[in-house]
Amino acid sequence: MATRKAAVLGAQNLFRSSSPPFTRNLHASSESKKIVGVFYKANEYASMNPNFVGCAEGALGIREWLESQGHQYIVTDDKDGPNSELEKHIPDLHVLISTPFHPAYVTAERIKKAKNLQLLLTAGIGSDHIDLKAAAAAGLTVAEVTGSNVVSVAEDELMRILILVRNFVPGYNQVINGDWNVAAIAHRAYDLEGKTVGTVGAGRIGKLLLQRLKPFNCNLLYHDRLKMDSDLESQIGAKFEEDLDAMLPKCDIIVINMPLTEKTVGMFNKEKIAKLKKGVLIVNNARGAIMDTQAVADACSSGHIAGYSGDVWFPQPAPKDHPWRYMPNQAMTPHISGTTIDAQLRYAAGVKDMLDRYFKGEDFPAQHYIVKEGELASQYR
């Protein structure tokens, strides 16, 4: 636990840094820039949809536009280790674009090597793959396309809740395997109506999920730093729970919607999970490192957690021996919830807009900033 916590803290220190010793001027000149994009490789699937822009082959659909303006655009999926393709370009790149789905981990060591680096862009939401403290100290700007895939993730969370509640995966596997045993599914399948669902975090995604759950006539709870506007709270029918530890034992279903921060790394450890209702269902599309990996696997094996579903792991891509791949009653997937084709088009457009503003020396929309020229954006202070 301590080792893993130390490994991820550098990538998500969401606190305001002291004033950087210098700031790398984000708009120092209009000269040609070297831009590197790191995306997952789609191989034979790349040509199956012309709007599949989030892969390495699609390259966010901005290659022709960038190169027509005289910029160099390098795209790769090879991102890890000292001999990776990304590492070769670290010393002289100006802009690095990555995604949460195939993250290029930007460590303090890489930032130190990247003498020309000015801008780190996340094509999507969630920049915890970047050492934000080191980025701020180096005077960099870090930005993401806020809101680009919140609908995609909220819809996916609702799907996962239903999959777990109805015990869908074992039934599907019966069909694949040629079996037929209704009792093996029905003995742990329930209705969603009347269940208590609590979201830990009620930002953009959390609110959308609660709105989508309302027609199912659930008891809706939420915990967040901030209480919702009373009119919205009344409209959704959700109850604010200021004390997280008091909320969790009430929940039949818990959905994780908080960011990965210094305070949330490993938050759901063995002790926290022991306090949950026996038979709880958990959905986590936020970040894998919020959970203690082995504690979740052990609780699924014992039945204390009756089902766990999500698409986020630590690290990513998850190694073949990751215990969540083999724990019972799981409905895990690769990190896919926020990279639907619709979401890809939105975050690709957002990246293009920010690059265009960067070339022109204009500010980005305020909500996109995580670190602005060495200072943590106000919404995270």
Protein backbone atom coordinates (compact mmCIF):
# COMPACT_ATOMS: atom_id res chain seq x y z
CA MET A 1 0.00 0.00 0.00
CA ALA A 2 2.73 2.47 0.98
CA THR A 3 4.75 1.68 -2.12
CA ARG A 4 1.80 2.12 -4.45
CA LYS A 5 0.78 5.35 -2.75
CA ALA A 6 4.24 6.78 -3.21
CA ALA A 7 4.18 5.76 -6.87
CA VAL A 8 1.01 7.64 -7.70
CA LEU A 9 1.23 10.70 -5.45
CA GLY A 10 3.58 12.52 -7.78
CA ALA A 11 1.04 12.27 -10.61
CA GLN A 12 -1.87 13.85 -8.78
CA ASN A 13 -0.78 16.39 -6.14
CA LEU A 14 -3.71 18.77 -6.45
CA PHE A 15 -2.45 21.55 -4.27
CA ARG A 16 -1.21 24.98 -5.15
CA SER A 17 2.52 25.03 -5.60
CA SER A 18 4.78 27.78 -4.42
CA SER A 19 5.66 30.28 -7.10
CA PRO A 20 7.74 28.58 -9.79
CA PRO A 21 11.35 29.71 -10.14
CA PHE A 22 10.60 30.50 -13.76
CA THR A 23 7.76 30.20 -16.21
CA ARG A 24 8.13 28.66 -19.63
CA ASN A 25 6.46 31.25 -21.80
CA LEU A 26 3.52 29.41 -23.34
CA HIS A 27 3.50 31.69 -26.39
CA ALA A 28 7.18 32.48 -26.70
CA SER A 29 7.22 32.54 -30.50
CA SER A 30 5.30 31.64 -33.63
CA GLU A 31 7.96 29.21 -34.83
CA SER A 32 7.24 25.62 -35.77
CA LYS A 33 6.40 23.43 -32.78
CA LYS A 34 7.06 19.76 -32.18
CA ILE A 35 3.87 18.14 -30.93
CA VAL A 36 3.76 14.54 -29.71
CA GLY A 37 0.51 12.62 -29.27
CA VAL A 38 0.29 9.35 -27.33
CA PHE A 39 -2.79 7.26 -28.12
CA TYR A 40 -3.73 3.57 -28.09
CA LYS A 41 -3.19 1.69 -31.35
CA ALA A 42 -6.37 0.54 -33.10
CA ASN A 43 -4.80 -1.72 -35.75
CA GLU A 44 -7.52 -3.36 -37.90
CA TYR A 45 -10.28 -1.39 -36.13
CA ALA A 46 -8.87 1.98 -37.20
CA SER A 47 -10.51 1.87 -40.61
CA MET A 48 -13.89 0.62 -39.44
CA ASN A 49 -15.23 4.04 -38.47
CA PRO A 50 -14.17 7.35 -40.05
CA ASN A 51 -14.89 9.10 -36.74
CA PHE A 52 -12.55 6.85 -34.76
CA VAL A 53 -10.18 9.74 -34.04
CA GLY A 54 -9.04 8.83 -30.53
CA CYS A 55 -6.61 6.13 -31.63
CA ALA A 56 -3.02 6.48 -32.83
CA GLU A 57 -4.09 6.05 -36.44
CA GLY A 58 -6.84 8.68 -36.12
CA ALA A 59 -4.45 11.04 -34.27
CA LEU A 60 -7.41 13.23 -33.16
CA GLY A 61 -7.99 14.15 -36.81
CA ILE A 62 -5.61 17.09 -36.58
CA ARG A 63 -2.53 15.90 -38.49
CA GLU A 64 -3.31 17.64 -41.77
CA TRP A 65 -4.24 20.86 -39.97
CA LEU A 66 -1.05 20.89 -37.87
CA GLU A 67 1.30 20.01 -40.69
CA SER A 68 -0.30 22.58 -43.03
CA GLN A 69 0.82 25.22 -40.52
CA GLY A 70 4.38 23.94 -40.49
CA HIS A 71 4.27 22.05 -37.20
CA GLN A 72 5.76 18.61 -36.64
CA TYR A 73 3.27 16.03 -35.34
CA ILE A 74 4.58 12.73 -33.98
CA VAL A 75 2.05 10.11 -32.87
CA THR A 76 2.90 6.90 -31.04
CA ASP A 77 1.45 4.31 -28.70
CA ASP A 78 4.93 3.40 -27.35
CA LYS A 79 5.14 5.37 -24.13
CA ASP A 80 6.83 3.46 -21.32
CA GLY A 81 10.47 2.99 -20.45
CA PRO A 82 13.80 4.57 -21.40
CA ASN A 83 13.80 3.05 -24.89
CA SER A 84 10.24 3.98 -25.82
CA GLU A 85 9.38 6.11 -28.82
CA LEU A 86 8.01 8.81 -26.51
CA GLU A 87 11.26 8.96 -24.55
CA LYS A 88 13.19 9.72 -27.75
CA HIS A 89 11.15 12.88 -28.29
CA ILE A 90 11.07 14.13 -24.68
CA PRO A 91 14.18 16.38 -24.98
CA ASP A 92 12.85 18.59 -27.80
CA LEU A 93 9.03 18.40 -27.84
CA HIS A 94 6.98 21.54 -27.15
CA VAL A 95 3.55 19.97 -26.60
CA LEU A 96 2.59 16.52 -25.31
CA ILE A 97 -0.94 15.23 -25.81
CA SER A 98 -2.09 12.11 -23.97
CA THR A 99 -5.32 10.44 -22.88
CA PRO A 100 -6.50 8.80 -19.66
CA PHE A 101 -7.22 5.65 -21.69
CA HIS A 102 -3.59 5.06 -22.67
CA PRO A 103 -1.79 7.48 -20.36
CA ALA A 104 1.72 8.72 -20.96
CA TYR A 105 3.00 9.01 -17.39
CA VAL A 106 4.73 12.39 -17.20
CA THR A 107 7.10 12.11 -14.26
CA ALA A 108 9.27 14.78 -12.68
CA GLU A 109 12.24 13.10 -14.38
CA ARG A 110 10.63 13.45 -17.81
CA ILE A 111 9.70 17.07 -17.14
CA LYS A 112 13.30 17.82 -16.20
CA LYS A 113 14.52 16.30 -19.49
CA ALA A 114 11.93 18.16 -21.57
CA LYS A 115 13.72 21.51 -21.90
CA ASN A 116 11.40 22.82 -24.63
CA LEU A 117 8.15 21.54 -23.12
CA GLN A 118 5.50 24.22 -22.61
CA LEU A 119 2.10 22.54 -22.76
CA LEU A 120 0.63 19.24 -21.56
CA LEU A 121 -2.83 18.46 -22.94
CA THR A 122 -5.17 15.68 -21.86
CA ALA A 123 -7.52 14.55 -24.62
CA GLY A 124 -10.33 13.80 -22.22
CA ILE A 125 -10.73 14.35 -18.49
CA GLY A 126 -8.26 13.52 -15.72
CA SER A 127 -4.63 14.61 -15.69
CA ASP A 128 -3.39 12.50 -12.79
CA HIS A 129 -0.96 10.74 -15.13
CA ILE A 130 1.06 13.98 -14.87
CA ASP A 131 3.19 14.96 -11.89
CA LEU A 132 1.31 18.21 -11.37
CA LYS A 133 3.62 19.46 -8.64
CA ALA A 134 6.64 19.08 -10.95
CA ALA A 135 4.72 20.63 -13.86
CA ALA A 136 3.81 23.66 -11.77
CA ALA A 137 7.36 24.04 -10.46
CA ALA A 138 8.65 23.97 -14.04
CA GLY A 139 6.23 26.71 -15.10
CA LEU A 140 4.26 24.48 -17.46
CA THR A 141 0.63 24.67 -18.48
CA VAL A 142 -1.56 21.57 -18.07
CA ALA A 143 -5.06 21.51 -19.54
CA GLU A 144 -7.80 19.01 -20.33
CA VAL A 145 -11.08 19.06 -22.22
CA THR A 146 -13.40 19.46 -19.26
CA GLY A 147 -16.89 18.08 -19.84
CA SER A 148 -15.99 16.28 -23.05
CA ASN A 149 -17.00 12.82 -21.90
CA VAL A 150 -19.13 13.29 -18.79
CA VAL A 151 -22.29 12.01 -20.53
CA SER A 152 -20.37 8.98 -21.80
CA VAL A 153 -19.09 8.08 -18.33
CA ALA A 154 -22.42 8.67 -16.56
CA GLU A 155 -24.26 6.46 -19.05
CA ASP A 156 -21.62 3.77 -18.58
CA GLU A 157 -21.98 3.93 -14.79
CA LEU A 158 -25.74 3.41 -15.07
CA MET A 159 -25.14 0.41 -17.32
CA ARG A 160 -22.70 -1.09 -14.80
CA ILE A 161 -25.13 -0.65 -11.93
CA LEU A 162 -27.78 -2.60 -13.85
CA ILE A 163 -25.27 -5.27 -14.91
CA LEU A 164 -24.32 -5.89 -11.28
CA VAL A 165 -27.81 -5.67 -9.81
CA ARG A 166 -29.25 -8.13 -12.36
CA ASN A 167 -26.24 -10.49 -12.19
CA PHE A 168 -25.93 -10.16 -15.95
CA VAL A 169 -22.36 -11.31 -16.62
CA PRO A 170 -22.76 -14.91 -15.34
CA GLY A 171 -25.93 -15.25 -17.43
CA TYR A 172 -24.16 -14.01 -20.53
CA ASN A 173 -21.30 -16.43 -19.87
CA GLN A 174 -23.80 -19.30 -19.65
CA VAL A 175 -24.97 -18.53 -23.17
CA ILE A 176 -21.39 -18.32 -24.47
CA ASN A 177 -20.52 -21.64 -22.81
CA GLY A 178 -23.67 -23.46 -23.97
CA ASP A 179 -25.11 -23.77 -20.44
CA TRP A 180 -28.61 -23.15 -19.06
CA ASN A 181 -29.02 -22.73 -15.30
CA VAL A 182 -31.57 -20.08 -14.31
CA ALA A 183 -31.12 -20.72 -10.59
CA ALA A 184 -27.41 -19.93 -10.76
CA ILE A 185 -28.30 -16.40 -11.88
CA ALA A 186 -31.59 -15.73 -10.14
CA HIS A 187 -30.38 -16.43 -6.60
CA ARG A 188 -28.44 -13.14 -6.61
CA ALA A 189 -30.39 -10.97 -9.09
CA TYR A 190 -32.42 -8.01 -7.84
CA ASP A 191 -34.44 -4.99 -8.98
CA LEU A 192 -32.80 -1.58 -8.86
CA GLU A 193 -36.02 0.03 -7.61
CA GLY A 194 -35.93 0.74 -3.90
CA LYS A 195 -32.20 0.26 -3.52
CA THR A 196 -30.02 2.93 -1.91
CA VAL A 197 -27.41 4.27 -4.31
CA GLY A 198 -24.70 6.63 -3.07
CA THR A 199 -22.24 8.52 -5.21
CA VAL A 200 -18.93 9.50 -3.64
CA GLY A 201 -18.45 12.76 -5.53
CA ALA A 202 -21.20 14.73 -7.21
CA GLY A 203 -19.45 16.85 -9.82
CA ARG A 204 -20.45 16.86 -13.47
CA ILE A 205 -20.53 13.06 -13.80
CA GLY A 206 -22.06 12.43 -10.39
CA LYS A 207 -24.93 14.83 -11.03
CA LEU A 208 -25.64 13.31 -14.45
CA LEU A 209 -25.71 9.84 -12.92
CA LEU A 210 -28.14 10.89 -10.19
CA GLN A 211 -30.41 12.48 -12.78
CA ARG A 212 -30.42 9.25 -14.78
CA LEU A 213 -31.14 7.16 -11.69
CA LYS A 214 -34.19 9.17 -10.63
CA PRO A 215 -36.69 7.29 -12.87
CA PHE A 216 -35.65 4.00 -11.26
CA ASN A 217 -37.15 5.13 -7.93
CA CYS A 218 -33.99 4.58 -5.92
CA ASN A 219 -33.01 6.18 -2.67
CA LEU A 220 -30.30 8.57 -3.84
CA LEU A 221 -27.48 9.83 -1.61
CA TYR A 222 -24.41 11.86 -2.44
CA HIS A 223 -21.25 12.99 -0.67
CA ASP A 224 -19.21 15.91 -1.99
CA ARG A 225 -17.20 18.88 -0.80
CA LEU A 226 -20.05 21.13 -1.86
CA LYS A 227 -23.77 20.76 -1.41
CA MET A 228 -25.81 21.08 -4.61
CA ASP A 229 -28.05 23.99 -5.31
CA SER A 230 -31.24 23.26 -3.36
CA ASP A 231 -33.46 23.46 -6.45
CA LEU A 232 -31.32 20.94 -8.32
CA GLU A 233 -31.14 18.69 -5.27
CA SER A 234 -34.91 18.77 -5.00
CA GLN A 235 -35.35 18.13 -8.72
CA ILE A 236 -33.08 15.09 -8.62
CA GLY A 237 -34.40 13.87 -5.29
CA ALA A 238 -30.96 13.22 -3.83
CA LYS A 239 -29.97 13.66 -0.20
CA PHE A 240 -26.66 15.28 0.78
CA GLU A 241 -24.48 13.29 3.17
CA GLU A 242 -21.76 15.45 4.70
CA ASP A 243 -20.17 12.54 6.58
CA LEU A 244 -18.87 9.94 4.11
CA ASP A 245 -18.39 7.28 6.76
CA ALA A 246 -22.00 7.71 7.82
CA MET A 247 -23.26 7.44 4.23
CA LEU A 248 -21.35 4.36 3.09
CA PRO A 249 -22.99 1.72 5.36
CA LYS A 250 -26.43 2.88 4.16
CA CYS A 251 -25.69 2.08 0.53
CA ASP A 252 -26.60 -1.03 -1.42
CA ILE A 253 -24.65 0.40 -4.35
CA ILE A 254 -21.68 2.77 -4.18
CA VAL A 255 -20.42 4.70 -7.21
CA ILE A 256 -17.00 6.35 -7.10
CA ASN A 257 -17.00 9.76 -8.80
CA MET A 258 -14.15 11.57 -7.06
CA PRO A 259 -10.81 12.61 -8.59
CA LEU A 260 -7.53 10.94 -7.69
CA THR A 261 -5.77 13.25 -5.25
CA GLU A 262 -3.28 12.99 -2.44
CA LYS A 263 -6.20 12.41 -0.05
CA THR A 264 -8.04 9.81 -2.13
CA VAL A 265 -5.16 7.47 -3.07
CA GLY A 266 -6.01 4.09 -1.54
CA MET A 267 -9.01 5.58 0.28
CA PHE A 268 -11.03 2.37 -0.01
CA ASN A 269 -8.66 0.14 1.92
CA LYS A 270 -9.35 -2.97 4.00
CA GLU A 271 -10.63 -0.94 6.96
CA LYS A 272 -12.94 1.25 4.88
CA ILE A 273 -14.35 -1.72 2.95
CA ALA A 274 -15.03 -3.57 6.22
CA LYS A 275 -17.42 -0.76 7.18
CA LEU A 276 -19.53 -1.19 4.05
CA LYS A 277 -22.77 -3.16 4.02
CA LYS A 278 -22.13 -6.86 3.40
CA GLY A 279 -23.18 -7.60 -0.17
CA VAL A 280 -22.52 -4.06 -1.41
CA LEU A 281 -22.07 -3.43 -5.14
CA ILE A 282 -19.36 -0.97 -6.22
CA VAL A 283 -18.94 0.87 -9.53
CA ASN A 284 -15.71 2.77 -10.14
CA ASN A 285 -15.07 4.64 -13.39
CA ALA A 286 -13.05 7.33 -11.58
CA ARG A 287 -9.51 6.07 -10.96
CA GLY A 288 -8.27 2.63 -10.00
CA ALA A 289 -5.77 3.91 -7.44
CA ILE A 290 -8.61 5.23 -5.25
CA MET A 291 -9.11 1.58 -4.29
CA ASP A 292 -6.66 -0.68 -2.47
CA THR A 293 -6.23 -3.31 -5.19
CA GLN A 294 -5.78 -6.36 -2.99
CA ALA A 295 -8.42 -5.25 -0.47
CA VAL A 296 -11.03 -5.13 -3.25
CA ALA A 297 -10.00 -8.55 -4.58
CA ASP A 298 -10.14 -10.08 -1.09
CA ALA A 299 -13.56 -8.54 -0.36
CA CYS A 300 -14.95 -9.88 -3.64
CA SER A 301 -13.59 -13.33 -2.82
CA SER A 302 -15.17 -13.29 0.65
CA GLY A 303 -18.50 -11.97 -0.66
CA HIS A 304 -18.36 -8.78 1.40
CA ILE A 305 -18.38 -7.00 -1.96
CA ALA A 306 -21.04 -8.84 -3.96
CA GLY A 307 -20.01 -7.25 -7.25
CA TYR A 308 -17.43 -4.81 -8.54
CA SER A 309 -17.46 -3.12 -11.93
CA GLY A 310 -15.37 -0.40 -13.48
CA ASP A 311 -12.97 0.41 -16.27
CA VAL A 312 -10.12 2.06 -14.38
CA TRP A 313 -7.04 0.25 -13.10
CA PHE A 314 -3.64 1.04 -11.64
CA PRO A 315 -1.42 0.95 -13.54
CA GLN A 316 -2.84 1.25 -17.05
CA PRO A 317 -2.76 -0.79 -19.19
CA ALA A 318 -3.30 -3.35 -16.43
CA PRO A 319 -0.76 -6.19 -16.32
CA LYS A 320 -1.96 -9.71 -17.08
CA ASP A 321 -1.52 -10.75 -13.45
CA HIS A 322 -3.61 -7.88 -12.02
CA PRO A 323 -5.82 -9.48 -9.32
CA TRP A 324 -8.97 -7.73 -10.52
CA ARG A 325 -8.87 -9.78 -13.71
CA TYR A 326 -9.45 -12.96 -11.70
CA MET A 327 -11.59 -11.95 -8.71
CA PRO A 328 -15.16 -13.33 -8.60
CA ASN A 329 -18.29 -11.32 -9.35
CA GLN A 330 -16.50 -8.63 -11.33
CA ALA A 331 -17.61 -6.87 -14.50
CA MET A 332 -14.39 -5.11 -15.41
CA THR A 333 -13.42 -3.69 -18.80
CA PRO A 334 -10.43 -1.79 -20.20
CA HIS A 335 -10.67 1.99 -19.77
CA ILE A 336 -13.44 2.61 -22.31
CA SER A 337 -16.27 4.54 -20.65
CA GLY A 338 -15.06 7.98 -21.70
CA THR A 339 -13.85 7.14 -25.18
CA THR A 340 -17.04 6.52 -27.13
CA ILE A 341 -16.99 7.85 -30.68
CA ASP A 342 -19.13 10.80 -29.56
CA ALA A 343 -16.71 11.57 -26.74
CA GLN A 344 -13.71 11.25 -29.07
CA LEU A 345 -15.16 13.86 -31.42
CA ARG A 346 -15.72 16.21 -28.48
CA TYR A 347 -12.28 15.86 -26.93
CA ALA A 348 -10.57 16.00 -30.32
CA ALA A 349 -12.36 19.27 -31.07
CA GLY A 350 -11.36 20.58 -27.64
CA VAL A 351 -7.69 19.74 -28.20
CA LYS A 352 -7.73 21.41 -31.62
CA ASP A 353 -9.30 24.54 -30.15
CA MET A 354 -6.68 24.76 -27.40
CA LEU A 355 -3.81 24.21 -29.84
CA ASP A 356 -5.22 26.93 -32.07
CA ARG A 357 -5.39 29.30 -29.11
CA TYR A 358 -1.86 28.28 -28.07
CA PHE A 359 -0.48 29.17 -31.51
CA LYS A 360 -2.32 32.52 -31.43
CA GLY A 361 -1.24 33.36 -27.87
CA GLU A 362 -4.79 33.26 -26.53
CA ASP A 363 -6.03 31.87 -23.23
CA PHE A 364 -7.96 28.61 -23.05
CA PRO A 365 -11.47 28.39 -21.59
CA ALA A 366 -10.88 28.80 -17.87
CA GLN A 367 -12.44 25.47 -16.92
CA HIS A 368 -9.87 23.57 -19.01
CA TYR A 369 -6.85 24.64 -16.95
CA ILE A 370 -5.30 22.32 -14.39
CA VAL A 371 -2.02 24.24 -14.17
CA LYS A 372 -1.68 27.60 -15.90
CA GLU A 373 1.91 28.66 -16.52
CA GLY A 374 3.06 27.30 -13.17
CA GLU A 375 -0.01 28.04 -11.07
CA LEU A 376 -2.72 25.55 -10.19
CA ALA A 377 -6.04 26.68 -11.64
CA SER A 378 -8.44 28.29 -9.20
CA GLN A 379 -11.02 25.50 -9.29
CA TYR A 380 -8.45 23.12 -7.75
CA ARG A 381 -7.03 25.41 -5.06
